[in-house]
Amino acid sequence: MSPIDLRHMRHALALAEERNFGRAAERVGISQPTLSRSIQALEEEFGALLFDRFPREVVPTEVGRVFLHRAGPIVADADDLEREMAAQLGLESGVLRVAVGPYVAAVLLGAILGRFSDRHPALRIEVAEVPGARMREVIGSGSVELLVGEQALFRDDNEFLLEPLRPRFGEYVCRAGHPLLNRDSISVHDIMSYPLATTDISPEAWVRILGEEAGEFDPVVLADRAWKVRCQSLVAIAELVASSDAIGLFSRAMIRRELKEGTLTVIPFEGTKPSADWGIIRRRGRTLSPAAEAFVEVVRESDSEVAVD
């Protein structure tokens, strides 16, 4: 016996409810002869009549009742599946899971989520904020569809696809009245002589942050030992820097209020400005869902509009 066509099941169910070939054909949107051939094809497949034909109505036979009893849930499940798939493809429902780095969360995430929610109100989105040390693990596990974070961690790995975002620039920041500010000139070495309060910054990221001065430091040592406090909350780091001699890394936009109030100040040092090299990262060979594709588009738009410093 060949597989039963869902269309034939739908036709039989319509005929059982309408008890009339003409009304059933109109209901399913086909001609009466086409419906008759569909029912006949089913009966030939089973080798038994599914309906008794009377002058005024059509009535299921005993075999027909058994068939209809089983066909009803099958067609209902198929219809549910079609609706769910249509909803997913049409961005009408579902949950999107993504990850971002701490600095991306502080600079871009608000704009991204606001725009995405306005554009796709029926979609739910779950965002994991992950430190640099866990980014490869999180995106590699498949628990999220994509990650927006530091590209340096993935650049030499063919397992991942990278889409660069705009370069962004930061500042070394200290509290008002910090001893460093009394110096006539300030070098990166002077800054590194004080404790650092940062998120988890990888050696690869330190090379990019230090720029031309990178050759004067061991990035592994910086990533492992130079910090005094390592915390993923940039709000907490800003408060710590404002109340101690620790040095922080921020963009001006992230600490606009503190700069205006005078609790934090940008260190006027002689050297390369710290920069961020962010990108949209996903596993090579993984097909993104329509929701993830829509998220990528919103990330691109937000990145083009949010100030880079």
Protein backbone atom coordinates (compact mmCIF):
# COMPACT_ATOMS: atom_id res chain seq x y z
CA MET A 1 0.00 0.00 0.00
CA SER A 2 1.38 3.42 -0.96
CA PRO A 3 1.39 6.35 1.51
CA ILE A 4 -1.99 8.04 1.87
CA ASP A 5 -2.18 11.54 0.42
CA LEU A 6 -3.20 14.15 3.00
CA ARG A 7 -5.38 15.79 0.38
CA HIS A 8 -7.44 12.61 0.06
CA MET A 9 -7.83 12.52 3.85
CA ARG A 10 -9.07 16.11 3.89
CA HIS A 11 -11.52 15.34 1.10
CA ALA A 12 -12.92 12.31 2.94
CA LEU A 13 -13.29 14.29 6.17
CA ALA A 14 -15.11 17.09 4.36
CA LEU A 15 -17.44 14.59 2.68
CA ALA A 16 -18.20 12.89 6.01
CA GLU A 17 -19.17 16.23 7.55
CA GLU A 18 -21.15 17.61 4.61
CA ARG A 19 -22.76 14.26 3.60
CA ASN A 20 -23.00 15.65 0.07
CA PHE A 21 -20.45 15.64 -2.78
CA GLY A 22 -21.42 19.07 -4.06
CA ARG A 23 -21.18 20.83 -0.70
CA ALA A 24 -17.96 18.97 0.23
CA ALA A 25 -16.35 19.90 -3.11
CA GLU A 26 -17.23 23.56 -2.60
CA ARG A 27 -15.85 23.46 0.93
CA VAL A 28 -12.42 22.18 -0.12
CA GLY A 29 -12.29 24.34 -3.22
CA ILE A 30 -12.37 21.70 -5.98
CA SER A 31 -14.92 20.49 -8.53
CA GLN A 32 -17.37 17.71 -7.69
CA PRO A 33 -15.86 15.29 -10.26
CA THR A 34 -12.40 15.88 -8.78
CA LEU A 35 -13.71 15.11 -5.31
CA SER A 36 -15.39 11.95 -6.57
CA ARG A 37 -12.13 10.76 -8.13
CA SER A 38 -10.26 11.53 -4.90
CA ILE A 39 -12.66 9.39 -2.82
CA GLN A 40 -12.57 6.61 -5.40
CA ALA A 41 -8.76 6.62 -5.28
CA LEU A 42 -8.90 6.10 -1.51
CA GLU A 43 -11.42 3.28 -1.82
CA GLU A 44 -9.34 1.57 -4.49
CA GLU A 45 -6.28 1.89 -2.27
CA PHE A 46 -8.04 0.12 0.61
CA GLY A 47 -10.08 -2.22 -1.55
CA ALA A 48 -13.28 -1.25 0.28
CA LEU A 49 -16.01 1.36 0.14
CA LEU A 50 -15.56 4.20 2.59
CA PHE A 51 -18.96 5.78 1.88
CA ASP A 52 -22.37 4.46 0.96
CA ARG A 53 -24.00 6.65 -1.70
CA PHE A 54 -27.73 7.27 -1.23
CA PRO A 55 -29.93 9.54 -3.35
CA ARG A 56 -30.05 12.29 -0.74
CA GLU A 57 -26.88 11.80 1.27
CA VAL A 58 -23.54 10.08 1.58
CA VAL A 59 -22.89 8.03 4.75
CA PRO A 60 -19.58 6.52 5.96
CA THR A 61 -19.39 2.73 6.01
CA GLU A 62 -17.95 0.88 8.99
CA VAL A 63 -14.56 0.79 7.26
CA GLY A 64 -15.03 4.47 6.47
CA ARG A 65 -15.70 5.30 10.12
CA VAL A 66 -12.48 3.57 11.18
CA PHE A 67 -10.56 5.49 8.53
CA LEU A 68 -12.11 8.83 9.47
CA HIS A 69 -11.48 8.24 13.19
CA ARG A 70 -7.74 7.92 12.51
CA ALA A 71 -7.53 10.45 9.68
CA GLY A 72 -9.00 13.32 11.72
CA PRO A 73 -6.10 13.69 14.21
CA ILE A 74 -3.52 13.15 11.45
CA VAL A 75 -4.92 15.99 9.36
CA ALA A 76 -5.28 18.21 12.44
CA ASP A 77 -1.63 17.61 13.39
CA ALA A 78 -0.53 18.33 9.81
CA ASP A 79 -2.50 21.57 9.83
CA ASP A 80 -0.93 22.56 13.16
CA LEU A 81 2.53 21.83 11.78
CA GLU A 82 1.86 23.94 8.70
CA ARG A 83 0.65 26.83 10.85
CA GLU A 84 3.67 26.62 13.16
CA MET A 85 6.11 26.50 10.25
CA ALA A 86 4.35 29.39 8.56
CA ALA A 87 4.57 31.35 11.80
CA GLN A 88 8.28 30.66 12.12
CA LEU A 89 8.99 31.58 8.52
CA GLY A 90 6.80 34.62 8.82
CA LEU A 91 8.45 35.74 12.11
CA GLU A 92 5.10 35.54 13.87
CA SER A 93 6.18 33.52 16.92
CA GLY A 94 9.02 31.59 18.52
CA VAL A 95 12.12 32.26 20.62
CA LEU A 96 15.43 33.55 19.28
CA ARG A 97 18.56 32.88 21.35
CA VAL A 98 21.69 34.97 20.83
CA ALA A 99 24.79 35.98 22.80
CA VAL A 100 26.70 39.25 23.16
CA GLY A 101 29.89 40.37 24.83
CA PRO A 102 29.73 42.77 27.82
CA TYR A 103 30.88 45.85 25.87
CA VAL A 104 28.48 45.12 23.02
CA ALA A 105 25.72 44.83 25.62
CA ALA A 106 26.62 48.24 27.04
CA VAL A 107 26.96 50.06 23.70
CA LEU A 108 24.67 48.43 21.14
CA LEU A 109 22.25 46.03 22.79
CA GLY A 110 19.64 48.57 23.86
CA ALA A 111 19.29 49.95 20.33
CA ILE A 112 19.22 46.44 18.85
CA LEU A 113 16.54 45.10 21.18
CA GLY A 114 14.35 48.16 20.88
CA ARG A 115 14.33 48.04 17.10
CA PHE A 116 13.94 44.27 16.93
CA SER A 117 11.01 44.25 19.37
CA ASP A 118 9.22 47.01 17.51
CA ARG A 119 9.68 45.25 14.19
CA HIS A 120 8.82 41.72 15.38
CA PRO A 121 6.55 42.10 18.43
CA ALA A 122 5.40 38.45 18.49
CA LEU A 123 8.94 37.07 18.70
CA ARG A 124 10.64 36.48 22.03
CA ILE A 125 14.39 36.93 22.31
CA GLU A 126 16.74 35.49 24.91
CA VAL A 127 20.13 37.23 25.16
CA ALA A 128 23.09 35.69 26.99
CA GLU A 129 25.82 38.13 28.02
CA VAL A 130 29.04 36.11 27.96
CA PRO A 131 32.68 36.96 28.78
CA GLY A 132 35.40 36.56 26.18
CA ALA A 133 36.66 33.32 27.72
CA ARG A 134 33.30 31.62 27.11
CA MET A 135 32.37 33.04 23.70
CA ARG A 136 33.80 30.17 21.68
CA GLU A 137 32.17 27.61 23.97
CA VAL A 138 28.75 29.27 23.78
CA ILE A 139 28.57 29.74 20.01
CA GLY A 140 30.26 26.40 19.36
CA SER A 141 27.73 24.50 21.49
CA GLY A 142 24.83 25.54 19.32
CA SER A 143 22.89 26.89 22.31
CA VAL A 144 22.67 30.26 20.51
CA GLU A 145 22.33 30.95 16.79
CA LEU A 146 24.82 33.79 16.67
CA LEU A 147 27.04 35.97 18.79
CA VAL A 148 27.95 39.65 18.59
CA GLY A 149 31.35 40.17 20.13
CA GLU A 150 35.10 40.37 19.73
CA GLN A 151 36.22 38.95 16.37
CA ALA A 152 39.84 38.43 17.43
CA LEU A 153 38.87 35.27 19.28
CA PHE A 154 37.61 33.63 16.07
CA ARG A 155 39.62 35.16 13.24
CA ASP A 156 41.93 32.17 12.65
CA ASP A 157 39.25 29.51 13.05
CA ASN A 158 37.54 28.26 9.88
CA GLU A 159 34.72 26.80 11.95
CA PHE A 160 33.13 30.24 12.22
CA LEU A 161 31.88 32.92 9.85
CA LEU A 162 32.60 36.55 10.79
CA GLU A 163 30.83 39.69 9.61
CA PRO A 164 32.74 42.77 10.80
CA LEU A 165 30.98 45.70 12.41
CA ARG A 166 32.34 49.24 12.52
CA PRO A 167 35.53 49.80 14.57
CA ARG A 168 34.74 51.44 17.88
CA PHE A 169 37.02 53.47 20.09
CA GLY A 170 37.37 53.65 23.84
CA GLU A 171 39.28 55.48 26.52
CA TYR A 172 41.36 54.69 29.56
CA VAL A 173 39.36 56.17 32.42
CA CYS A 174 40.13 57.01 36.04
CA ARG A 175 38.51 58.85 38.94
CA ALA A 176 38.67 62.59 39.28
CA GLY A 177 41.77 63.51 41.28
CA HIS A 178 43.67 60.34 40.31
CA PRO A 179 47.49 60.64 40.83
CA LEU A 180 48.06 59.96 37.11
CA LEU A 181 46.41 63.24 36.21
CA ASN A 182 49.19 65.19 37.96
CA ARG A 183 51.76 64.06 35.37
CA ASP A 184 52.80 66.25 32.49
CA SER A 185 52.60 63.30 30.08
CA ILE A 186 51.06 59.87 30.48
CA SER A 187 52.14 56.72 28.64
CA VAL A 188 50.55 53.30 28.42
CA HIS A 189 53.28 52.07 30.79
CA ASP A 190 52.13 54.65 33.33
CA ILE A 191 48.55 53.45 32.97
CA MET A 192 49.53 49.79 33.31
CA SER A 193 51.38 50.54 36.53
CA TYR A 194 48.00 50.95 38.20
CA PRO A 195 45.49 48.13 38.81
CA LEU A 196 43.05 47.48 35.98
CA ALA A 197 39.35 46.88 36.46
CA THR A 198 37.98 45.23 33.32
CA THR A 199 35.74 42.55 31.94
CA ASP A 200 37.39 39.32 30.82
CA ILE A 201 39.69 40.55 28.01
CA SER A 202 41.53 37.93 25.94
CA PRO A 203 45.22 38.18 24.93
CA GLU A 204 44.08 38.64 21.31
CA ALA A 205 41.92 41.58 22.33
CA TRP A 206 44.77 43.14 24.33
CA VAL A 207 46.97 43.12 21.23
CA ARG A 208 44.33 45.12 19.37
CA ILE A 209 43.63 47.43 22.34
CA LEU A 210 47.29 48.34 22.75
CA GLY A 211 47.83 48.92 19.03
CA GLU A 212 51.33 50.25 18.34
CA GLU A 213 52.36 49.66 21.95
CA ALA A 214 51.40 45.97 21.86
CA GLY A 215 55.00 44.88 21.27
CA GLU A 216 56.05 46.38 24.60
CA PHE A 217 53.81 44.08 26.63
CA ASP A 218 53.10 40.39 26.93
CA PRO A 219 49.38 40.12 26.11
CA VAL A 220 49.10 36.79 27.95
CA VAL A 221 50.44 38.44 31.11
CA LEU A 222 48.04 41.35 30.69
CA ALA A 223 45.09 39.03 30.21
CA ASP A 224 46.06 36.90 33.20
CA ARG A 225 47.75 39.14 35.76
CA ALA A 226 47.43 42.84 34.99
CA TRP A 227 43.88 43.15 36.23
CA LYS A 228 43.00 43.90 39.83
CA VAL A 229 39.27 43.29 39.48
CA ARG A 230 37.64 41.26 36.71
CA CYS A 231 33.89 41.70 36.50
CA GLN A 232 31.30 41.38 33.73
CA SER A 233 29.20 44.27 35.08
CA LEU A 234 30.44 47.49 33.50
CA VAL A 235 28.18 49.47 35.83
CA ALA A 236 29.98 47.96 38.84
CA ILE A 237 33.37 48.56 37.20
CA ALA A 238 32.53 52.24 36.65
CA GLU A 239 31.58 52.61 40.32
CA LEU A 240 34.79 50.87 41.37
CA VAL A 241 36.96 53.11 39.19
CA ALA A 242 35.18 56.20 40.55
CA SER A 243 36.06 55.20 44.11
CA SER A 244 39.61 53.81 43.78
CA ASP A 245 42.87 54.16 41.87
CA ALA A 246 41.90 51.40 39.44
CA ILE A 247 41.86 52.18 35.72
CA GLY A 248 38.93 51.20 33.50
CA LEU A 249 38.28 50.86 29.77
CA PHE A 250 35.10 52.52 28.49
CA SER A 251 33.69 54.37 25.54
CA ARG A 252 32.61 57.92 26.26
CA ALA A 253 28.99 56.99 25.57
CA MET A 254 29.07 54.32 28.29
CA ILE A 255 30.04 56.80 31.01
CA ARG A 256 28.47 59.98 29.69
CA ARG A 257 26.67 60.68 32.96
CA GLU A 258 29.79 60.09 35.10
CA LEU A 259 31.88 62.34 32.84
CA LYS A 260 29.28 65.09 33.09
CA GLU A 261 29.09 64.75 36.88
CA GLY A 262 32.89 64.74 37.15
CA THR A 263 33.20 61.44 39.02
CA LEU A 264 35.17 59.90 36.13
CA THR A 265 37.60 61.45 33.69
CA VAL A 266 39.31 60.38 30.49
CA ILE A 267 43.07 59.90 30.87
CA PRO A 268 44.90 62.15 28.35
CA PHE A 269 47.65 59.69 27.49
CA GLU A 270 50.14 59.73 24.62
CA GLY A 271 49.47 56.63 22.57
CA THR A 272 47.03 54.60 20.53
CA LYS A 273 43.40 54.91 21.51
CA PRO A 274 41.88 51.56 22.62
CA SER A 275 39.55 50.15 19.97
CA ALA A 276 37.02 47.37 19.66
CA ASP A 277 36.86 44.96 16.74
CA TRP A 278 33.35 43.57 16.98
CA GLY A 279 31.55 41.33 14.56
CA ILE A 280 28.56 39.06 14.05
CA ILE A 281 29.80 35.50 14.57
CA ARG A 282 28.09 32.23 13.67
CA ARG A 283 29.07 28.65 13.00
CA ARG A 284 29.99 27.85 9.43
CA GLY A 285 27.43 25.59 7.78
CA ARG A 286 24.60 26.43 10.19
CA THR A 287 21.54 27.84 8.47
CA LEU A 288 20.15 30.75 10.43
CA SER A 289 16.46 30.83 11.22
CA PRO A 290 14.40 33.67 9.70
CA ALA A 291 14.33 35.26 13.16
CA ALA A 292 18.15 35.17 13.37
CA GLU A 293 18.42 36.63 9.86
CA ALA A 294 16.12 39.44 10.94
CA PHE A 295 18.25 39.99 14.06
CA VAL A 296 21.40 40.27 11.93
CA GLU A 297 19.74 42.94 9.82
CA VAL A 298 18.81 44.91 12.95
CA VAL A 299 22.38 44.60 14.28
CA ARG A 300 23.72 46.05 11.02
CA GLU A 301 21.28 48.95 11.16
CA SER A 302 21.96 49.71 14.83
CA ASP A 303 25.72 49.49 14.31
CA SER A 304 25.52 52.04 11.49
CA GLU A 305 23.60 54.53 13.65
CA VAL A 306 25.10 54.29 17.15
CA ALA A 307 28.12 56.60 17.62
CA VAL A 308 31.48 54.83 17.47
CA ASP A 309 33.11 56.67 20.41
